[in-house]
Amino acid sequence: MSKGIRLKSIRKALALNQTDFGARINLSQTTIGQYEKETRPITERVISQLVSEFHINEEYLRHGTGDMFIDQTPKLVRQLADELSLSDREQHLLLTFLSFPPETRAQVLDFAQEFVVKLQQIGKN
């Protein structure tokens, strides 16, 4: 798999179109498209920005080795889970939720909110 294809798969994994993906690092949709099609080489500066902004595993982007993303779950979240005495299952659910892109987290929260309302309605009957 080429670097351009890996970049595209990263973008797709983040559920971003070329315009939104590029905007996060101040690049145009055209430039992202050129990188993905490999009609333009990805500069070292852009690789650094991609790694920093999206927590991409640099080895994956450059060579296709290792995981696509680096686990960037803040230590604070793990400490909070410990302080709240969350079970392993609860911690796993929290960490999984936090690993989703913002759009997916919003969808999960919308679903959960609707679910709670329906449970409350059932409880009143």
PDB file of N, CA and C in Angstrom:
ATOM      1  N   MET A   1       0.847  -1.175   0.000  1.00  0.00           N
ATOM      2  CA  MET A   1       0.000   0.000   0.000  1.00  0.00           C
ATOM      3  C   MET A   1       0.894   1.239   0.000  1.00  0.00           C
ATOM      4  N   SER A   2       0.603   2.174  -0.853  1.00  0.00           N
ATOM      5  CA  SER A   2       1.413   3.385  -0.992  1.00  0.00           C
ATOM      6  C   SER A   2       1.074   4.407   0.094  1.00  0.00           C
ATOM      7  N   LYS A   3       1.927   5.397   0.253  1.00  0.00           N
ATOM      8  CA  LYS A   3       1.727   6.447   1.245  1.00  0.00           C
ATOM      9  C   LYS A   3       0.416   7.199   0.973  1.00  0.00           C
ATOM     10  N   GLY A   4       0.119   7.456  -0.293  1.00  0.00           N
ATOM     11  CA  GLY A   4      -1.119   8.155  -0.633  1.00  0.00           C
ATOM     12  C   GLY A   4      -2.351   7.360  -0.249  1.00  0.00           C
ATOM     13  N   ILE A   5      -2.312   6.067  -0.476  1.00  0.00           N
ATOM     14  CA  ILE A   5      -3.439   5.205  -0.100  1.00  0.00           C
ATOM     15  C   ILE A   5      -3.558   5.139   1.418  1.00  0.00           C
ATOM     16  N   ARG A   6      -2.425   5.083   2.123  1.00  0.00           N
ATOM     17  CA  ARG A   6      -2.467   5.084   3.589  1.00  0.00           C
ATOM     18  C   ARG A   6      -3.061   6.391   4.108  1.00  0.00           C
ATOM     19  N   LEU A   7      -2.679   7.515   3.483  1.00  0.00           N
ATOM     20  CA  LEU A   7      -3.237   8.799   3.893  1.00  0.00           C
ATOM     21  C   LEU A   7      -4.748   8.807   3.701  1.00  0.00           C
ATOM     22  N   LYS A   8      -5.193   8.300   2.582  1.00  0.00           N
ATOM     23  CA  LYS A   8      -6.633   8.248   2.311  1.00  0.00           C
ATOM     24  C   LYS A   8      -7.338   7.350   3.322  1.00  0.00           C
ATOM     25  N   SER A   9      -6.735   6.217   3.666  1.00  0.00           N
ATOM     26  CA  SER A   9      -7.375   5.316   4.631  1.00  0.00           C
ATOM     27  C   SER A   9      -7.427   5.958   6.017  1.00  0.00           C
ATOM     28  N   ILE A  10      -6.419   6.742   6.363  1.00  0.00           N
ATOM     29  CA  ILE A  10      -6.441   7.480   7.631  1.00  0.00           C
ATOM     30  C   ILE A  10      -7.590   8.479   7.624  1.00  0.00           C
ATOM     31  N   ARG A  11      -7.690   9.230   6.538  1.00  0.00           N
ATOM     32  CA  ARG A  11      -8.766  10.237   6.423  1.00  0.00           C
ATOM     33  C   ARG A  11     -10.128   9.569   6.529  1.00  0.00           C
ATOM     34  N   LYS A  12     -10.296   8.438   5.854  1.00  0.00           N
ATOM     35  CA  LYS A  12     -11.579   7.720   5.888  1.00  0.00           C
ATOM     36  C   LYS A  12     -11.859   7.193   7.294  1.00  0.00           C
ATOM     37  N   ALA A  13     -10.824   6.705   7.979  1.00  0.00           N
ATOM     38  CA  ALA A  13     -10.997   6.203   9.348  1.00  0.00           C
ATOM     39  C   ALA A  13     -11.456   7.323  10.284  1.00  0.00           C
ATOM     40  N   LEU A  14     -11.068   8.549   9.980  1.00  0.00           N
ATOM     41  CA  LEU A  14     -11.475   9.706  10.769  1.00  0.00           C
ATOM     42  C   LEU A  14     -12.840  10.248  10.333  1.00  0.00           C
ATOM     43  N   ALA A  15     -13.413   9.631   9.301  1.00  0.00           N
ATOM     44  CA  ALA A  15     -14.711  10.037   8.754  1.00  0.00           C
ATOM     45  C   ALA A  15     -14.711  11.501   8.317  1.00  0.00           C
ATOM     46  N   LEU A  16     -13.633  11.904   7.646  1.00  0.00           N
ATOM     47  CA  LEU A  16     -13.514  13.282   7.157  1.00  0.00           C
ATOM     48  C   LEU A  16     -13.394  13.283   5.642  1.00  0.00           C
ATOM     49  N   ASN A  17     -13.998  14.287   5.008  1.00  0.00           N
ATOM     50  CA  ASN A  17     -13.772  14.454   3.575  1.00  0.00           C
ATOM     51  C   ASN A  17     -12.457  15.203   3.391  1.00  0.00           C
ATOM     52  N   GLN A  18     -12.009  15.310   2.148  1.00  0.00           N
ATOM     53  CA  GLN A  18     -10.720  15.942   1.883  1.00  0.00           C
ATOM     54  C   GLN A  18     -10.700  17.401   2.349  1.00  0.00           C
ATOM     55  N   THR A  19     -11.804  18.096   2.186  1.00  0.00           N
ATOM     56  CA  THR A  19     -11.870  19.510   2.569  1.00  0.00           C
ATOM     57  C   THR A  19     -11.695  19.676   4.075  1.00  0.00           C
ATOM     58  N   ASP A  20     -12.457  18.911   4.859  1.00  0.00           N
ATOM     59  CA  ASP A  20     -12.386  19.028   6.314  1.00  0.00           C
ATOM     60  C   ASP A  20     -11.052  18.524   6.858  1.00  0.00           C
ATOM     61  N   PHE A  21     -10.545  17.456   6.267  1.00  0.00           N
ATOM     62  CA  PHE A  21      -9.259  16.903   6.675  1.00  0.00           C
ATOM     63  C   PHE A  21      -8.160  17.944   6.451  1.00  0.00           C
ATOM     64  N   GLY A  22      -8.136  18.531   5.265  1.00  0.00           N
ATOM     65  CA  GLY A  22      -7.127  19.533   4.935  1.00  0.00           C
ATOM     66  C   GLY A  22      -7.247  20.784   5.781  1.00  0.00           C
ATOM     67  N   ALA A  23      -8.480  21.197   6.066  1.00  0.00           N
ATOM     68  CA  ALA A  23      -8.696  22.422   6.843  1.00  0.00           C
ATOM     69  C   ALA A  23      -8.063  22.334   8.226  1.00  0.00           C
ATOM     70  N   ARG A  24      -8.024  21.146   8.794  1.00  0.00           N
ATOM     71  CA  ARG A  24      -7.458  20.976  10.137  1.00  0.00           C
ATOM     72  C   ARG A  24      -5.960  21.263  10.176  1.00  0.00           C
ATOM     73  N   ILE A  25      -5.295  21.184   8.996  1.00  0.00           N
ATOM     74  CA  ILE A  25      -3.855  21.497   8.944  1.00  0.00           C
ATOM     75  C   ILE A  25      -3.575  22.589   7.911  1.00  0.00           C
ATOM     76  N   ASN A  26      -4.589  23.371   7.607  1.00  0.00           N
ATOM     77  CA  ASN A  26      -4.471  24.526   6.702  1.00  0.00           C
ATOM     78  C   ASN A  26      -4.022  24.151   5.296  1.00  0.00           C
ATOM     79  N   LEU A  27      -4.592  23.079   4.766  1.00  0.00           N
ATOM     80  CA  LEU A  27      -4.330  22.677   3.382  1.00  0.00           C
ATOM     81  C   LEU A  27      -5.655  22.594   2.633  1.00  0.00           C
ATOM     82  N   SER A  28      -5.584  22.801   1.330  1.00  0.00           N
ATOM     83  CA  SER A  28      -6.786  22.760   0.515  1.00  0.00           C
ATOM     84  C   SER A  28      -7.191  21.327   0.189  1.00  0.00           C
ATOM     85  N   GLN A  29      -8.426  21.182  -0.243  1.00  0.00           N
ATOM     86  CA  GLN A  29      -8.927  19.880  -0.691  1.00  0.00           C
ATOM     87  C   GLN A  29      -8.092  19.384  -1.859  1.00  0.00           C
ATOM     88  N   THR A  30      -7.714  20.280  -2.743  1.00  0.00           N
ATOM     89  CA  THR A  30      -6.905  19.920  -3.914  1.00  0.00           C
ATOM     90  C   THR A  30      -5.569  19.317  -3.489  1.00  0.00           C
ATOM     91  N   THR A  31      -4.925  19.935  -2.518  1.00  0.00           N
ATOM     92  CA  THR A  31      -3.631  19.435  -2.044  1.00  0.00           C
ATOM     93  C   THR A  31      -3.777  18.047  -1.444  1.00  0.00           C
ATOM     94  N   ILE A  32      -4.802  17.847  -0.626  1.00  0.00           N
ATOM     95  CA  ILE A  32      -5.030  16.517  -0.032  1.00  0.00           C
ATOM     96  C   ILE A  32      -5.263  15.497  -1.138  1.00  0.00           C
ATOM     97  N   GLY A  33      -6.050  15.854  -2.133  1.00  0.00           N
ATOM     98  CA  GLY A  33      -6.293  14.959  -3.268  1.00  0.00           C
ATOM     99  C   GLY A  33      -5.001  14.604  -4.000  1.00  0.00           C
ATOM    100  N   GLN A  34      -4.139  15.579  -4.174  1.00  0.00           N
ATOM    101  CA  GLN A  34      -2.853  15.329  -4.834  1.00  0.00           C
ATOM    102  C   GLN A  34      -1.977  14.398  -4.009  1.00  0.00           C
ATOM    103  N   TYR A  35      -1.985  14.576  -2.694  1.00  0.00           N
ATOM    104  CA  TYR A  35      -1.226  13.675  -1.823  1.00  0.00           C
ATOM    105  C   TYR A  35      -1.761  12.242  -1.936  1.00  0.00           C
ATOM    106  N   GLU A  36      -3.081  12.116  -1.908  1.00  0.00           N
ATOM    107  CA  GLU A  36      -3.688  10.784  -1.963  1.00  0.00           C
ATOM    108  C   GLU A  36      -3.426  10.099  -3.302  1.00  0.00           C
ATOM    109  N   LYS A  37      -3.420  10.866  -4.379  1.00  0.00           N
ATOM    110  CA  LYS A  37      -3.157  10.307  -5.715  1.00  0.00           C
ATOM    111  C   LYS A  37      -1.670  10.220  -6.025  1.00  0.00           C
ATOM    112  N   GLU A  38      -0.875  10.766  -5.111  1.00  0.00           N
ATOM    113  CA  GLU A  38       0.581  10.789  -5.231  1.00  0.00           C
ATOM    114  C   GLU A  38       1.078  11.541  -6.469  1.00  0.00           C
ATOM    115  N   THR A  39       0.351  12.594  -6.826  1.00  0.00           N
ATOM    116  CA  THR A  39       0.824  13.478  -7.885  1.00  0.00           C
ATOM    117  C   THR A  39       1.652  14.612  -7.274  1.00  0.00           C
ATOM    118  N   ARG A  40       1.676  14.636  -5.944  1.00  0.00           N
ATOM    119  CA  ARG A  40       2.458  15.631  -5.212  1.00  0.00           C
ATOM    120  C   ARG A  40       3.007  14.938  -3.963  1.00  0.00           C
ATOM    121  N   PRO A  41       4.310  15.069  -3.703  1.00  0.00           N
ATOM    122  CA  PRO A  41       4.866  14.400  -2.516  1.00  0.00           C
ATOM    123  C   PRO A  41       4.446  15.110  -1.228  1.00  0.00           C
ATOM    124  N   ILE A  42       4.254  14.323  -0.170  1.00  0.00           N
ATOM    125  CA  ILE A  42       3.914  14.883   1.132  1.00  0.00           C
ATOM    126  C   ILE A  42       5.205  15.388   1.778  1.00  0.00           C
ATOM    127  N   THR A  43       5.228  16.647   2.132  1.00  0.00           N
ATOM    128  CA  THR A  43       6.445  17.238   2.706  1.00  0.00           C
ATOM    129  C   THR A  43       6.633  16.795   4.162  1.00  0.00           C
ATOM    130  N   GLU A  44       7.838  16.956   4.642  1.00  0.00           N
ATOM    131  CA  GLU A  44       8.145  16.621   6.038  1.00  0.00           C
ATOM    132  C   GLU A  44       7.306  17.470   6.990  1.00  0.00           C
ATOM    133  N   ARG A  45       7.120  18.738   6.652  1.00  0.00           N
ATOM    134  CA  ARG A  45       6.315  19.630   7.485  1.00  0.00           C
ATOM    135  C   ARG A  45       4.882  19.123   7.593  1.00  0.00           C
ATOM    136  N   VAL A  46       4.321  18.684   6.467  1.00  0.00           N
ATOM    137  CA  VAL A  46       2.943  18.182   6.465  1.00  0.00           C
ATOM    138  C   VAL A  46       2.852  16.871   7.244  1.00  0.00           C
ATOM    139  N   ILE A  47       3.831  16.004   7.091  1.00  0.00           N
ATOM    140  CA  ILE A  47       3.828  14.755   7.861  1.00  0.00           C
ATOM    141  C   ILE A  47       3.824  15.083   9.352  1.00  0.00           C
ATOM    142  N   SER A  48       4.639  16.019   9.755  1.00  0.00           N
ATOM    143  CA  SER A  48       4.694  16.422  11.162  1.00  0.00           C
ATOM    144  C   SER A  48       3.346  16.959  11.631  1.00  0.00           C
ATOM    145  N   GLN A  49       2.704  17.784  10.808  1.00  0.00           N
ATOM    146  CA  GLN A  49       1.394  18.326  11.162  1.00  0.00           C
ATOM    147  C   GLN A  49       0.340  17.226  11.258  1.00  0.00           C
ATOM    148  N   LEU A  50       0.366  16.289  10.317  1.00  0.00           N
ATOM    149  CA  LEU A  50      -0.595  15.187  10.324  1.00  0.00           C
ATOM    150  C   LEU A  50      -0.454  14.346  11.591  1.00  0.00           C
ATOM    151  N   VAL A  51       0.781  14.025  11.926  1.00  0.00           N
ATOM    152  CA  VAL A  51       1.056  13.214  13.118  1.00  0.00           C
ATOM    153  C   VAL A  51       0.547  13.939  14.365  1.00  0.00           C
ATOM    154  N   SER A  52       0.829  15.229  14.447  1.00  0.00           N
ATOM    155  CA  SER A  52       0.441  16.012  15.613  1.00  0.00           C
ATOM    156  C   SER A  52      -1.070  16.209  15.713  1.00  0.00           C
ATOM    157  N   GLU A  53      -1.701  16.600  14.628  1.00  0.00           N
ATOM    158  CA  GLU A  53      -3.126  16.927  14.646  1.00  0.00           C
ATOM    159  C   GLU A  53      -4.024  15.697  14.800  1.00  0.00           C
ATOM    160  N   PHE A  54      -3.674  14.609  14.113  1.00  0.00           N
ATOM    161  CA  PHE A  54      -4.560  13.444  14.072  1.00  0.00           C
ATOM    162  C   PHE A  54      -4.035  12.254  14.875  1.00  0.00           C
ATOM    163  N   HIS A  55      -2.898  12.420  15.555  1.00  0.00           N
ATOM    164  CA  HIS A  55      -2.297  11.350  16.359  1.00  0.00           C
ATOM    165  C   HIS A  55      -2.026  10.104  15.517  1.00  0.00           C
ATOM    166  N   ILE A  56      -1.503  10.354  14.333  1.00  0.00           N
ATOM    167  CA  ILE A  56      -1.173   9.275  13.409  1.00  0.00           C
ATOM    168  C   ILE A  56       0.160   8.677  13.811  1.00  0.00           C
ATOM    169  N   ASN A  57       0.271   7.372  13.686  1.00  0.00           N
ATOM    170  CA  ASN A  57       1.546   6.687  13.882  1.00  0.00           C
ATOM    171  C   ASN A  57       2.407   7.002  12.664  1.00  0.00           C
ATOM    172  N   GLU A  58       3.482   7.717  12.866  1.00  0.00           N
ATOM    173  CA  GLU A  58       4.337   8.142  11.752  1.00  0.00           C
ATOM    174  C   GLU A  58       4.884   6.958  10.962  1.00  0.00           C
ATOM    175  N   GLU A  59       5.215   5.877  11.647  1.00  0.00           N
ATOM    176  CA  GLU A  59       5.719   4.677  10.961  1.00  0.00           C
ATOM    177  C   GLU A  59       4.662   4.092  10.034  1.00  0.00           C
ATOM    178  N   TYR A  60       3.407   4.157  10.456  1.00  0.00           N
ATOM    179  CA  TYR A  60       2.331   3.666   9.596  1.00  0.00           C
ATOM    180  C   TYR A  60       2.227   4.542   8.351  1.00  0.00           C
ATOM    181  N   LEU A  61       2.216   5.847   8.531  1.00  0.00           N
ATOM    182  CA  LEU A  61       2.086   6.748   7.392  1.00  0.00           C
ATOM    183  C   LEU A  61       3.248   6.588   6.417  1.00  0.00           C
ATOM    184  N   ARG A  62       4.449   6.532   6.937  1.00  0.00           N
ATOM    185  CA  ARG A  62       5.628   6.453   6.077  1.00  0.00           C
ATOM    186  C   ARG A  62       5.833   5.069   5.448  1.00  0.00           C
ATOM    187  N   HIS A  63       5.652   4.015   6.264  1.00  0.00           N
ATOM    188  CA  HIS A  63       6.061   2.680   5.813  1.00  0.00           C
ATOM    189  C   HIS A  63       4.969   1.620   5.877  1.00  0.00           C
ATOM    190  N   GLY A  64       3.825   1.956   6.449  1.00  0.00           N
ATOM    191  CA  GLY A  64       2.742   0.981   6.555  1.00  0.00           C
ATOM    192  C   GLY A  64       2.924  -0.015   7.686  1.00  0.00           C
ATOM    193  N   THR A  65       3.794   0.293   8.647  1.00  0.00           N
ATOM    194  CA  THR A  65       4.017  -0.625   9.759  1.00  0.00           C
ATOM    195  C   THR A  65       3.387  -0.089  11.032  1.00  0.00           C
ATOM    196  N   GLY A  66       2.908  -0.993  11.859  1.00  0.00           N
ATOM    197  CA  GLY A  66       2.300  -0.615  13.126  1.00  0.00           C
ATOM    198  C   GLY A  66       0.852  -0.203  12.970  1.00  0.00           C
ATOM    199  N   ASP A  67       0.297   0.280  14.066  1.00  0.00           N
ATOM    200  CA  ASP A  67      -1.095   0.727  14.074  1.00  0.00           C
ATOM    201  C   ASP A  67      -1.222   2.061  13.340  1.00  0.00           C
ATOM    202  N   MET A  68      -2.413   2.329  12.838  1.00  0.00           N
ATOM    203  CA  MET A  68      -2.674   3.568  12.123  1.00  0.00           C
ATOM    204  C   MET A  68      -2.541   4.786  13.042  1.00  0.00           C
ATOM    205  N   PHE A  69      -3.029   4.657  14.253  1.00  0.00           N
ATOM    206  CA  PHE A  69      -3.034   5.785  15.188  1.00  0.00           C
ATOM    207  C   PHE A  69      -2.263   5.428  16.454  1.00  0.00           C
ATOM    208  N   ILE A  70      -1.765   6.472  17.106  1.00  0.00           N
ATOM    209  CA  ILE A  70      -1.104   6.328  18.395  1.00  0.00           C
ATOM    210  C   ILE A  70      -2.166   6.522  19.473  1.00  0.00           C
ATOM    211  N   ASP A  71      -2.124   5.683  20.480  1.00  0.00           N
ATOM    212  CA  ASP A  71      -3.075   5.829  21.582  1.00  0.00           C
ATOM    213  C   ASP A  71      -2.756   7.117  22.324  1.00  0.00           C
ATOM    214  N   GLN A  72      -3.615   8.097  22.191  1.00  0.00           N
ATOM    215  CA  GLN A  72      -3.407   9.397  22.827  1.00  0.00           C
ATOM    216  C   GLN A  72      -4.405   9.646  23.944  1.00  0.00           C
ATOM    217  N   THR A  73      -4.973   8.574  24.496  1.00  0.00           N
ATOM    218  CA  THR A  73      -5.928   8.753  25.569  1.00  0.00           C
ATOM    219  C   THR A  73      -5.207   9.428  26.736  1.00  0.00           C
ATOM    220  N   PRO A  74      -5.662  10.582  27.114  1.00  0.00           N
ATOM    221  CA  PRO A  74      -4.963  11.320  28.168  1.00  0.00           C
ATOM    222  C   PRO A  74      -4.886  10.529  29.470  1.00  0.00           C
ATOM    223  N   LYS A  75      -3.764  10.692  30.147  1.00  0.00           N
ATOM    224  CA  LYS A  75      -3.600  10.028  31.443  1.00  0.00           C
ATOM    225  C   LYS A  75      -4.682  10.473  32.412  1.00  0.00           C
ATOM    226  N   LEU A  76      -5.142  11.704  32.263  1.00  0.00           N
ATOM    227  CA  LEU A  76      -6.178  12.231  33.134  1.00  0.00           C
ATOM    228  C   LEU A  76      -7.448  11.388  33.055  1.00  0.00           C
ATOM    229  N   VAL A  77      -7.787  10.925  31.845  1.00  0.00           N
ATOM    230  CA  VAL A  77      -8.987  10.099  31.680  1.00  0.00           C
ATOM    231  C   VAL A  77      -8.816   8.788  32.435  1.00  0.00           C
ATOM    232  N   ARG A  78      -7.637   8.173  32.313  1.00  0.00           N
ATOM    233  CA  ARG A  78      -7.383   6.921  33.035  1.00  0.00           C
ATOM    234  C   ARG A  78      -7.406   7.153  34.550  1.00  0.00           C
ATOM    235  N   GLN A  79      -6.844   8.277  35.000  1.00  0.00           N
ATOM    236  CA  GLN A  79      -6.858   8.591  36.432  1.00  0.00           C
ATOM    237  C   GLN A  79      -8.289   8.803  36.916  1.00  0.00           C
ATOM    238  N   LEU A  80      -9.083   9.500  36.118  1.00  0.00           N
ATOM    239  CA  LEU A  80     -10.478   9.739  36.466  1.00  0.00           C
ATOM    240  C   LEU A  80     -11.234   8.419  36.591  1.00  0.00           C
ATOM    241  N   ALA A  81     -10.988   7.513  35.657  1.00  0.00           N
ATOM    242  CA  ALA A  81     -11.637   6.203  35.709  1.00  0.00           C
ATOM    243  C   ALA A  81     -11.262   5.475  36.996  1.00  0.00           C
ATOM    244  N   ASP A  82     -10.015   5.590  37.401  1.00  0.00           N
ATOM    245  CA  ASP A  82      -9.576   4.965  38.652  1.00  0.00           C
ATOM    246  C   ASP A  82     -10.239   5.626  39.857  1.00  0.00           C
ATOM    247  N   GLU A  83     -10.274   6.969  39.869  1.00  0.00           N
ATOM    248  CA  GLU A  83     -10.864   7.698  40.997  1.00  0.00           C
ATOM    249  C   GLU A  83     -12.350   7.400  41.140  1.00  0.00           C
ATOM    250  N   LEU A  84     -13.030   7.174  40.030  1.00  0.00           N
ATOM    251  CA  LEU A  84     -14.463   6.875  40.076  1.00  0.00           C
ATOM    252  C   LEU A  84     -14.732   5.389  40.314  1.00  0.00           C
ATOM    253  N   SER A  85     -13.662   4.622  40.442  1.00  0.00           N
ATOM    254  CA  SER A  85     -13.761   3.170  40.645  1.00  0.00           C
ATOM    255  C   SER A  85     -14.592   2.499  39.557  1.00  0.00           C
ATOM    256  N   LEU A  86     -14.341   2.902  38.322  1.00  0.00           N
ATOM    257  CA  LEU A  86     -15.055   2.288  37.217  1.00  0.00           C
ATOM    258  C   LEU A  86     -14.563   0.853  37.008  1.00  0.00           C
ATOM    259  N   SER A  87     -15.476  -0.021  36.676  1.00  0.00           N
ATOM    260  CA  SER A  87     -15.113  -1.402  36.386  1.00  0.00           C
ATOM    261  C   SER A  87     -14.312  -1.439  35.082  1.00  0.00           C
ATOM    262  N   ASP A  88     -13.675  -2.565  34.824  1.00  0.00           N
ATOM    263  CA  ASP A  88     -12.941  -2.717  33.564  1.00  0.00           C
ATOM    264  C   ASP A  88     -13.877  -2.503  32.378  1.00  0.00           C
ATOM    265  N   ARG A  89     -15.071  -3.009  32.494  1.00  0.00           N
ATOM    266  CA  ARG A  89     -16.069  -2.867  31.415  1.00  0.00           C
ATOM    267  C   ARG A  89     -16.416  -1.396  31.193  1.00  0.00           C
ATOM    268  N   GLU A  90     -16.620  -0.660  32.288  1.00  0.00           N
ATOM    269  CA  GLU A  90     -16.947   0.761  32.185  1.00  0.00           C
ATOM    270  C   GLU A  90     -15.768   1.554  31.612  1.00  0.00           C
ATOM    271  N   GLN A  91     -14.561   1.232  32.052  1.00  0.00           N
ATOM    272  CA  GLN A  91     -13.376   1.911  31.526  1.00  0.00           C
ATOM    273  C   GLN A  91     -13.227   1.648  30.036  1.00  0.00           C
ATOM    274  N   HIS A  92     -13.445   0.408  29.629  1.00  0.00           N
ATOM    275  CA  HIS A  92     -13.338   0.058  28.210  1.00  0.00           C
ATOM    276  C   HIS A  92     -14.370   0.834  27.393  1.00  0.00           C
ATOM    277  N   LEU A  93     -15.586   0.920  27.898  1.00  0.00           N
ATOM    278  CA  LEU A  93     -16.643   1.661  27.198  1.00  0.00           C
ATOM    279  C   LEU A  93     -16.266   3.137  27.073  1.00  0.00           C
ATOM    280  N   LEU A  94     -15.768   3.732  28.156  1.00  0.00           N
ATOM    281  CA  LEU A  94     -15.370   5.142  28.139  1.00  0.00           C
ATOM    282  C   LEU A  94     -14.236   5.385  27.152  1.00  0.00           C
ATOM    283  N   LEU A  95     -13.207   4.550  27.209  1.00  0.00           N
ATOM    284  CA  LEU A  95     -12.057   4.732  26.330  1.00  0.00           C
ATOM    285  C   LEU A  95     -12.431   4.503  24.867  1.00  0.00           C
ATOM    286  N   THR A  96     -13.311   3.551  24.616  1.00  0.00           N
ATOM    287  CA  THR A  96     -13.780   3.306  23.248  1.00  0.00           C
ATOM    288  C   THR A  96     -14.542   4.519  22.736  1.00  0.00           C
ATOM    289  N   PHE A  97     -15.441   5.049  23.571  1.00  0.00           N
ATOM    290  CA  PHE A  97     -16.211   6.238  23.197  1.00  0.00           C
ATOM    291  C   PHE A  97     -15.284   7.396  22.851  1.00  0.00           C
ATOM    292  N   LEU A  98     -14.260   7.611  23.667  1.00  0.00           N
ATOM    293  CA  LEU A  98     -13.332   8.720  23.441  1.00  0.00           C
ATOM    294  C   LEU A  98     -12.467   8.519  22.207  1.00  0.00           C
ATOM    295  N   SER A  99     -12.340   7.288  21.745  1.00  0.00           N
ATOM    296  CA  SER A  99     -11.529   7.033  20.554  1.00  0.00           C
ATOM    297  C   SER A  99     -12.276   7.360  19.266  1.00  0.00           C
ATOM    298  N   PHE A 100     -13.596   7.530  19.356  1.00  0.00           N
ATOM    299  CA  PHE A 100     -14.388   7.843  18.164  1.00  0.00           C
ATOM    300  C   PHE A 100     -14.155   9.281  17.719  1.00  0.00           C
ATOM    301  N   PRO A 101     -14.319   9.545  16.416  1.00  0.00           N
ATOM    302  CA  PRO A 101     -14.273  10.946  15.966  1.00  0.00           C
ATOM    303  C   PRO A 101     -15.455  11.717  16.557  1.00  0.00           C
ATOM    304  N   PRO A 102     -15.352  13.030  16.659  1.00  0.00           N
ATOM    305  CA  PRO A 102     -16.415  13.837  17.280  1.00  0.00           C
ATOM    306  C   PRO A 102     -17.807  13.592  16.695  1.00  0.00           C
ATOM    307  N   GLU A 103     -17.902  13.393  15.391  1.00  0.00           N
ATOM    308  CA  GLU A 103     -19.215  13.181  14.769  1.00  0.00           C
ATOM    309  C   GLU A 103     -19.852  11.895  15.275  1.00  0.00           C
ATOM    310  N   THR A 104     -19.053  10.853  15.424  1.00  0.00           N
ATOM    311  CA  THR A 104     -19.566   9.573  15.899  1.00  0.00           C
ATOM    312  C   THR A 104     -19.966   9.682  17.368  1.00  0.00           C
ATOM    313  N   ARG A 105     -19.156  10.391  18.172  1.00  0.00           N
ATOM    314  CA  ARG A 105     -19.510  10.573  19.584  1.00  0.00           C
ATOM    315  C   ARG A 105     -20.849  11.290  19.702  1.00  0.00           C
ATOM    316  N   ALA A 106     -21.073  12.285  18.855  1.00  0.00           N
ATOM    317  CA  ALA A 106     -22.341  13.020  18.890  1.00  0.00           C
ATOM    318  C   ALA A 106     -23.511  12.086  18.562  1.00  0.00           C
ATOM    319  N   GLN A 107     -23.336  11.201  17.598  1.00  0.00           N
ATOM    320  CA  GLN A 107     -24.391  10.252  17.245  1.00  0.00           C
ATOM    321  C   GLN A 107     -24.677   9.298  18.400  1.00  0.00           C
ATOM    322  N   VAL A 108     -23.635   8.825  19.059  1.00  0.00           N
ATOM    323  CA  VAL A 108     -23.813   7.922  20.204  1.00  0.00           C
ATOM    324  C   VAL A 108     -24.561   8.647  21.319  1.00  0.00           C
ATOM    325  N   LEU A 109     -24.194   9.891  21.591  1.00  0.00           N
ATOM    326  CA  LEU A 109     -24.869  10.655  22.649  1.00  0.00           C
ATOM    327  C   LEU A 109     -26.335  10.904  22.307  1.00  0.00           C
ATOM    328  N   ASP A 110     -26.632  11.206  21.047  1.00  0.00           N
ATOM    329  CA  ASP A 110     -28.024  11.395  20.627  1.00  0.00           C
ATOM    330  C   ASP A 110     -28.833  10.117  20.858  1.00  0.00           C
ATOM    331  N   PHE A 111     -28.245   8.984  20.460  1.00  0.00           N
ATOM    332  CA  PHE A 111     -28.920   7.699  20.658  1.00  0.00           C
ATOM    333  C   PHE A 111     -29.159   7.439  22.143  1.00  0.00           C
ATOM    334  N   ALA A 112     -28.130   7.658  22.959  1.00  0.00           N
ATOM    335  CA  ALA A 112     -28.244   7.399  24.399  1.00  0.00           C
ATOM    336  C   ALA A 112     -29.306   8.286  25.034  1.00  0.00           C
ATOM    337  N   GLN A 113     -29.353   9.535  24.618  1.00  0.00           N
ATOM    338  CA  GLN A 113     -30.346  10.452  25.170  1.00  0.00           C
ATOM    339  C   GLN A 113     -31.763   9.999  24.829  1.00  0.00           C
ATOM    340  N   GLU A 114     -31.976   9.599  23.583  1.00  0.00           N
ATOM    341  CA  GLU A 114     -33.298   9.095  23.176  1.00  0.00           C
ATOM    342  C   GLU A 114     -33.647   7.818  23.945  1.00  0.00           C
ATOM    343  N   PHE A 115     -32.662   6.969  24.167  1.00  0.00           N
ATOM    344  CA  PHE A 115     -32.858   5.722  24.882  1.00  0.00           C
ATOM    345  C   PHE A 115     -33.288   5.986  26.323  1.00  0.00           C
ATOM    346  N   VAL A 116     -32.631   6.940  26.990  1.00  0.00           N
ATOM    347  CA  VAL A 116     -32.966   7.284  28.366  1.00  0.00           C
ATOM    348  C   VAL A 116     -34.383   7.840  28.448  1.00  0.00           C
ATOM    349  N   VAL A 117     -34.758   8.698  27.521  1.00  0.00           N
ATOM    350  CA  VAL A 117     -36.117   9.263  27.511  1.00  0.00           C
ATOM    351  C   VAL A 117     -37.144   8.139  27.387  1.00  0.00           C
ATOM    352  N   LYS A 118     -36.904   7.182  26.502  1.00  0.00           N
ATOM    353  CA  LYS A 118     -37.840   6.064  26.328  1.00  0.00           C
ATOM    354  C   LYS A 118     -37.918   5.206  27.586  1.00  0.00           C
ATOM    355  N   LEU A 119     -36.775   4.981  28.255  1.00  0.00           N
ATOM    356  CA  LEU A 119     -36.789   4.212  29.501  1.00  0.00           C
ATOM    357  C   LEU A 119     -37.591   4.937  30.576  1.00  0.00           C
ATOM    358  N   GLN A 120     -37.450   6.257  30.645  1.00  0.00           N
ATOM    359  CA  GLN A 120     -38.195   7.047  31.633  1.00  0.00           C
ATOM    360  C   GLN A 120     -39.690   6.970  31.347  1.00  0.00           C
ATOM    361  N   GLN A 121     -40.070   6.992  30.073  1.00  0.00           N
ATOM    362  CA  GLN A 121     -41.485   6.900  29.702  1.00  0.00           C
ATOM    363  C   GLN A 121     -42.061   5.539  30.098  1.00  0.00           C
ATOM    364  N   ILE A 122     -41.290   4.508  29.908  1.00  0.00           N
ATOM    365  CA  ILE A 122     -41.729   3.163  30.291  1.00  0.00           C
ATOM    366  C   ILE A 122     -41.899   3.090  31.793  1.00  0.00           C
ATOM    367  N   GLY A 123     -41.004   3.713  32.543  1.00  0.00           N
ATOM    368  CA  GLY A 123     -41.061   3.707  33.995  1.00  0.00           C
ATOM    369  C   GLY A 123     -42.276   4.433  34.551  1.00  0.00           C
ATOM    370  N   LYS A 124     -42.795   5.405  33.815  1.00  0.00           N
ATOM    371  CA  LYS A 124     -43.960   6.180  34.251  1.00  0.00           C
ATOM    372  C   LYS A 124     -45.264   5.433  34.006  1.00  0.00           C
ATOM    373  N   ASN A 125     -45.239   4.441  33.124  1.00  0.00           N
ATOM    374  CA  ASN A 125     -46.479   3.711  32.781  1.00  0.00           C
ATOM    375  C   ASN A 125     -46.755   2.610  33.735  1.00  0.00           C
TER     376      ASN A 125
END
